Amino acid sequence: MKAKYKFPVKGRFIENIKPEIIKASYYELSDEEIEQTAHYIWLYKSNNCDEHYEVNNIINQKNSWDEFTAIRSLNDHGYRKRIKGITPKFYAIICKVLDITGDDGATLKEYEIY
């Protein structure tokens, strides 16, 4: 089944990063999840980000969370405030692919997929 999601970047980026995403996951991922994860990684790299929240801010500024329906979540880091971001599953995958550790922010207390 072909994913309905349209990856905004042309070229070979998704083909090159797809094996890394699959290898970094402990779960079988759908085409949509792979493409959206690749898009998130592309935003991280193309904007020279150092922290995950920078990508989230870019997505917020563009009001484009609807392009990440398979990986997005509302996250609570203990402030009883739901912040738009990605689920822990995809956070872990992206950290592995980018060979980075999580930032020094507050630990995630709970999340809700939306």
N, C-alpha and C. Protein backbone atom coordinates (compact mmCIF):
# COMPACT_ATOMS: atom_id res chain seq x y z
N MET A 1 0.84 -1.19 0.00
CA MET A 1 0.00 0.00 0.00
C MET A 1 0.88 1.25 0.00
N LYS A 2 0.64 2.14 -0.91
CA LYS A 2 1.42 3.37 -1.04
C LYS A 2 0.91 4.40 -0.03
N ALA A 3 1.84 5.07 0.65
CA ALA A 3 1.48 6.08 1.64
C ALA A 3 0.86 7.29 0.94
N LYS A 4 -0.12 7.90 1.58
CA LYS A 4 -0.78 9.08 1.04
C LYS A 4 0.04 10.33 1.33
N TYR A 5 0.91 10.25 2.31
CA TYR A 5 1.73 11.38 2.72
C TYR A 5 2.72 11.74 1.61
N LYS A 6 2.87 13.00 1.31
CA LYS A 6 3.80 13.45 0.27
C LYS A 6 4.99 14.11 0.93
N PHE A 7 6.13 13.47 0.79
CA PHE A 7 7.37 13.99 1.34
C PHE A 7 7.76 15.24 0.56
N PRO A 8 8.01 16.36 1.23
CA PRO A 8 8.21 17.63 0.53
C PRO A 8 9.57 17.79 -0.14
N VAL A 9 10.50 16.90 0.11
CA VAL A 9 11.85 17.06 -0.42
C VAL A 9 12.05 16.11 -1.59
N LYS A 10 12.48 16.65 -2.69
CA LYS A 10 12.74 15.82 -3.86
C LYS A 10 14.15 15.27 -3.77
N GLY A 11 14.45 14.28 -4.55
CA GLY A 11 15.79 13.73 -4.57
C GLY A 11 15.87 12.41 -3.83
N ARG A 12 17.06 12.08 -3.41
CA ARG A 12 17.33 10.77 -2.83
C ARG A 12 17.36 10.75 -1.31
N PHE A 13 17.05 11.84 -0.67
CA PHE A 13 17.17 11.89 0.78
C PHE A 13 16.40 10.75 1.46
N ILE A 14 15.14 10.58 1.08
CA ILE A 14 14.33 9.55 1.75
C ILE A 14 14.88 8.15 1.48
N GLU A 15 15.34 7.88 0.26
CA GLU A 15 15.90 6.56 -0.03
C GLU A 15 17.17 6.30 0.77
N ASN A 16 17.98 7.34 0.97
CA ASN A 16 19.22 7.20 1.72
C ASN A 16 18.99 7.04 3.22
N ILE A 17 17.99 7.73 3.75
CA ILE A 17 17.77 7.71 5.20
C ILE A 17 16.85 6.57 5.62
N LYS A 18 16.04 6.05 4.71
CA LYS A 18 15.06 5.01 5.04
C LYS A 18 15.70 3.79 5.71
N PRO A 19 16.79 3.24 5.18
CA PRO A 19 17.40 2.07 5.85
C PRO A 19 17.85 2.39 7.28
N GLU A 20 18.34 3.59 7.50
CA GLU A 20 18.77 3.99 8.84
C GLU A 20 17.58 4.07 9.80
N ILE A 21 16.47 4.58 9.31
CA ILE A 21 15.26 4.68 10.13
C ILE A 21 14.77 3.28 10.49
N ILE A 22 14.72 2.40 9.51
CA ILE A 22 14.25 1.03 9.75
C ILE A 22 15.18 0.32 10.74
N LYS A 23 16.48 0.48 10.57
CA LYS A 23 17.45 -0.14 11.47
C LYS A 23 17.33 0.40 12.90
N ALA A 24 17.03 1.68 13.05
CA ALA A 24 16.93 2.31 14.36
C ALA A 24 15.64 1.96 15.10
N SER A 25 14.67 1.40 14.40
CA SER A 25 13.38 1.08 15.00
C SER A 25 13.34 -0.36 15.47
N TYR A 26 12.71 -0.57 16.61
CA TYR A 26 12.49 -1.93 17.11
C TYR A 26 11.15 -2.47 16.62
N TYR A 27 10.44 -1.66 15.86
CA TYR A 27 9.10 -2.00 15.40
C TYR A 27 9.05 -1.89 13.89
N GLU A 28 8.09 -2.58 13.29
CA GLU A 28 7.84 -2.41 11.87
C GLU A 28 7.13 -1.08 11.69
N LEU A 29 7.61 -0.29 10.76
CA LEU A 29 7.04 1.03 10.52
C LEU A 29 6.29 1.05 9.21
N SER A 30 5.23 1.84 9.17
CA SER A 30 4.48 2.03 7.92
C SER A 30 5.27 2.98 7.02
N ASP A 31 4.92 3.00 5.75
CA ASP A 31 5.55 3.94 4.81
C ASP A 31 5.34 5.37 5.28
N GLU A 32 4.16 5.65 5.77
CA GLU A 32 3.84 7.00 6.26
C GLU A 32 4.73 7.38 7.44
N GLU A 33 4.93 6.47 8.39
CA GLU A 33 5.79 6.74 9.54
C GLU A 33 7.23 6.98 9.10
N ILE A 34 7.70 6.19 8.15
CA ILE A 34 9.07 6.35 7.65
C ILE A 34 9.22 7.69 6.96
N GLU A 35 8.28 8.03 6.10
CA GLU A 35 8.36 9.29 5.37
C GLU A 35 8.29 10.50 6.30
N GLN A 36 7.41 10.44 7.29
CA GLN A 36 7.30 11.56 8.21
C GLN A 36 8.53 11.68 9.11
N THR A 37 9.10 10.55 9.50
CA THR A 37 10.34 10.56 10.28
C THR A 37 11.47 11.14 9.43
N ALA A 38 11.54 10.74 8.17
CA ALA A 38 12.55 11.28 7.26
C ALA A 38 12.38 12.79 7.09
N HIS A 39 11.15 13.23 6.97
CA HIS A 39 10.87 14.67 6.84
C HIS A 39 11.36 15.41 8.08
N TYR A 40 11.09 14.87 9.26
CA TYR A 40 11.53 15.48 10.52
C TYR A 40 13.06 15.55 10.57
N ILE A 41 13.72 14.46 10.17
CA ILE A 41 15.19 14.44 10.15
C ILE A 41 15.73 15.44 9.13
N TRP A 42 15.07 15.53 7.98
CA TRP A 42 15.49 16.50 6.97
C TRP A 42 15.39 17.91 7.52
N LEU A 43 14.29 18.23 8.23
CA LEU A 43 14.16 19.56 8.84
C LEU A 43 15.29 19.82 9.83
N TYR A 44 15.61 18.81 10.62
CA TYR A 44 16.68 18.92 11.61
C TYR A 44 18.01 19.25 10.92
N LYS A 45 18.33 18.47 9.90
CA LYS A 45 19.62 18.64 9.21
C LYS A 45 19.66 19.91 8.36
N SER A 46 18.62 20.17 7.60
CA SER A 46 18.64 21.30 6.67
C SER A 46 18.60 22.65 7.39
N ASN A 47 18.14 22.66 8.63
CA ASN A 47 18.10 23.89 9.41
C ASN A 47 19.23 23.95 10.45
N ASN A 48 20.18 23.01 10.35
CA ASN A 48 21.32 22.97 11.26
C ASN A 48 20.90 23.02 12.73
N CYS A 49 19.89 22.25 13.07
CA CYS A 49 19.39 22.22 14.43
C CYS A 49 20.36 21.47 15.35
N ASP A 50 20.33 21.85 16.61
CA ASP A 50 21.12 21.18 17.63
C ASP A 50 20.24 20.41 18.60
N GLU A 51 18.98 20.79 18.70
CA GLU A 51 18.04 20.21 19.65
C GLU A 51 16.71 19.90 18.95
N HIS A 52 16.02 18.88 19.46
CA HIS A 52 14.72 18.50 18.89
C HIS A 52 13.72 19.65 18.92
N TYR A 53 13.70 20.39 20.01
CA TYR A 53 12.69 21.44 20.13
C TYR A 53 12.80 22.47 19.01
N GLU A 54 13.99 22.60 18.41
CA GLU A 54 14.15 23.54 17.30
C GLU A 54 13.32 23.10 16.09
N VAL A 55 13.30 21.81 15.83
CA VAL A 55 12.48 21.29 14.73
C VAL A 55 11.01 21.50 15.06
N ASN A 56 10.64 21.20 16.31
CA ASN A 56 9.25 21.41 16.71
C ASN A 56 8.85 22.88 16.53
N ASN A 57 9.75 23.80 16.87
CA ASN A 57 9.46 25.22 16.68
C ASN A 57 9.27 25.57 15.21
N ILE A 58 10.08 24.99 14.35
CA ILE A 58 9.95 25.21 12.91
C ILE A 58 8.59 24.72 12.43
N ILE A 59 8.21 23.53 12.87
CA ILE A 59 6.91 22.97 12.48
C ILE A 59 5.78 23.84 13.02
N ASN A 60 5.92 24.31 14.26
CA ASN A 60 4.91 25.22 14.83
C ASN A 60 4.79 26.51 14.02
N GLN A 61 5.93 27.10 13.68
CA GLN A 61 5.92 28.36 12.93
C GLN A 61 5.27 28.21 11.56
N LYS A 62 5.46 27.05 10.95
CA LYS A 62 4.86 26.78 9.64
C LYS A 62 3.44 26.24 9.76
N ASN A 63 3.01 26.03 11.02
CA ASN A 63 1.68 25.45 11.27
C ASN A 63 1.49 24.18 10.44
N SER A 64 2.51 23.28 10.52
CA SER A 64 2.48 22.10 9.64
C SER A 64 2.46 20.77 10.39
N TRP A 65 1.93 20.75 11.62
CA TRP A 65 1.86 19.48 12.34
C TRP A 65 0.96 18.47 11.64
N ASP A 66 0.06 18.94 10.77
CA ASP A 66 -0.79 18.00 10.03
C ASP A 66 0.01 17.18 9.02
N GLU A 67 1.26 17.56 8.76
CA GLU A 67 2.14 16.77 7.90
C GLU A 67 2.84 15.65 8.68
N PHE A 68 2.58 15.58 10.00
CA PHE A 68 3.26 14.61 10.87
C PHE A 68 2.26 13.80 11.70
N THR A 69 1.12 13.49 11.12
CA THR A 69 0.04 12.83 11.86
C THR A 69 0.42 11.47 12.42
N ALA A 70 1.38 10.79 11.82
CA ALA A 70 1.75 9.44 12.27
C ALA A 70 2.77 9.46 13.41
N ILE A 71 3.45 10.59 13.64
CA ILE A 71 4.50 10.62 14.65
C ILE A 71 4.30 11.70 15.71
N ARG A 72 3.29 12.53 15.58
CA ARG A 72 3.11 13.67 16.49
C ARG A 72 2.41 13.28 17.78
N SER A 73 2.62 14.10 18.79
CA SER A 73 1.93 13.92 20.06
C SER A 73 1.93 15.23 20.82
N LEU A 74 1.04 15.28 21.81
CA LEU A 74 1.03 16.39 22.76
C LEU A 74 1.78 15.90 23.98
N ASN A 75 2.86 16.59 24.32
CA ASN A 75 3.77 16.12 25.36
C ASN A 75 3.69 16.97 26.62
N ASP A 76 3.73 16.31 27.76
CA ASP A 76 3.74 16.98 29.06
C ASP A 76 5.05 16.63 29.75
N HIS A 77 5.83 17.65 30.01
CA HIS A 77 7.12 17.46 30.67
C HIS A 77 7.03 17.80 32.16
N GLY A 78 5.83 17.70 32.72
CA GLY A 78 5.65 17.94 34.14
C GLY A 78 5.13 19.32 34.48
N TYR A 79 4.83 20.10 33.47
CA TYR A 79 4.34 21.45 33.72
C TYR A 79 2.82 21.54 33.53
N ARG A 80 2.20 20.38 33.32
CA ARG A 80 0.76 20.30 33.04
C ARG A 80 0.37 21.15 31.85
N LYS A 81 1.28 21.20 30.92
CA LYS A 81 1.08 21.94 29.69
C LYS A 81 1.40 21.00 28.55
N ARG A 82 0.52 20.84 27.63
CA ARG A 82 0.72 19.95 26.49
C ARG A 82 1.42 20.71 25.38
N ILE A 83 2.59 20.23 25.03
CA ILE A 83 3.41 20.87 24.01
C ILE A 83 3.45 19.96 22.79
N LYS A 84 3.27 20.55 21.61
CA LYS A 84 3.30 19.77 20.37
C LYS A 84 4.71 19.25 20.13
N GLY A 85 4.80 17.96 19.83
CA GLY A 85 6.07 17.32 19.56
C GLY A 85 5.85 15.97 18.93
N ILE A 86 6.79 15.06 19.15
CA ILE A 86 6.70 13.72 18.59
C ILE A 86 6.65 12.70 19.72
N THR A 87 6.16 11.51 19.40
CA THR A 87 6.03 10.46 20.41
C THR A 87 7.41 9.96 20.83
N PRO A 88 7.51 9.38 22.01
CA PRO A 88 8.79 8.84 22.48
C PRO A 88 9.39 7.82 21.51
N LYS A 89 8.56 7.02 20.87
CA LYS A 89 9.03 6.01 19.91
C LYS A 89 9.83 6.68 18.79
N PHE A 90 9.30 7.74 18.22
CA PHE A 90 9.97 8.39 17.10
C PHE A 90 11.10 9.30 17.57
N TYR A 91 10.98 9.82 18.77
CA TYR A 91 12.08 10.57 19.38
C TYR A 91 13.31 9.67 19.48
N ALA A 92 13.11 8.44 19.95
CA ALA A 92 14.21 7.49 20.10
C ALA A 92 14.81 7.12 18.73
N ILE A 93 13.97 6.89 17.75
CA ILE A 93 14.45 6.56 16.41
C ILE A 93 15.29 7.70 15.85
N ILE A 94 14.79 8.91 15.97
CA ILE A 94 15.49 10.07 15.42
C ILE A 94 16.82 10.29 16.15
N CYS A 95 16.84 10.10 17.46
CA CYS A 95 18.10 10.23 18.21
C CYS A 95 19.13 9.21 17.71
N LYS A 96 18.69 7.99 17.44
CA LYS A 96 19.61 6.96 16.94
C LYS A 96 20.13 7.31 15.55
N VAL A 97 19.24 7.71 14.66
CA VAL A 97 19.64 8.03 13.29
C VAL A 97 20.61 9.20 13.28
N LEU A 98 20.35 10.22 14.09
CA LEU A 98 21.20 11.41 14.11
C LEU A 98 22.40 11.25 15.04
N ASP A 99 22.44 10.12 15.76
CA ASP A 99 23.52 9.86 16.72
C ASP A 99 23.66 10.99 17.73
N ILE A 100 22.52 11.32 18.33
CA ILE A 100 22.49 12.36 19.35
C ILE A 100 21.81 11.83 20.60
N THR A 101 22.04 12.50 21.70
CA THR A 101 21.32 12.17 22.93
C THR A 101 20.20 13.17 23.07
N GLY A 102 19.28 12.91 23.96
CA GLY A 102 18.22 13.86 24.23
C GLY A 102 18.80 15.13 24.79
N ASP A 103 18.02 16.20 24.71
CA ASP A 103 18.51 17.46 25.27
C ASP A 103 18.46 17.44 26.79
N ASP A 104 18.82 18.55 27.38
CA ASP A 104 18.86 18.64 28.84
C ASP A 104 17.53 19.11 29.43
N GLY A 105 16.47 19.04 28.65
CA GLY A 105 15.16 19.50 29.11
C GLY A 105 14.55 18.54 30.12
N ALA A 106 13.39 18.93 30.59
CA ALA A 106 12.68 18.12 31.58
C ALA A 106 12.24 16.79 30.98
N THR A 107 12.23 15.76 31.78
CA THR A 107 11.81 14.42 31.36
C THR A 107 10.34 14.42 30.96
N LEU A 108 10.03 13.67 29.93
CA LEU A 108 8.65 13.54 29.48
C LEU A 108 7.86 12.76 30.52
N LYS A 109 6.77 13.33 30.98
CA LYS A 109 5.91 12.67 31.99
C LYS A 109 4.80 11.86 31.34
N GLU A 110 4.21 12.42 30.32
CA GLU A 110 3.15 11.71 29.58
C GLU A 110 2.98 12.36 28.22
N TYR A 111 2.33 11.61 27.34
CA TYR A 111 2.07 12.14 26.00
C TYR A 111 0.74 11.59 25.51
N GLU A 112 0.20 12.28 24.53
CA GLU A 112 -1.07 11.87 23.93
C GLU A 112 -0.97 12.03 22.43
N ILE A 113 -1.21 10.94 21.72
CA ILE A 113 -1.21 10.98 20.26
C ILE A 113 -2.48 11.70 19.82
N TYR A 114 -2.35 12.57 18.83
CA TYR A 114 -3.53 13.29 18.32
C TYR A 114 -3.53 13.31 16.82
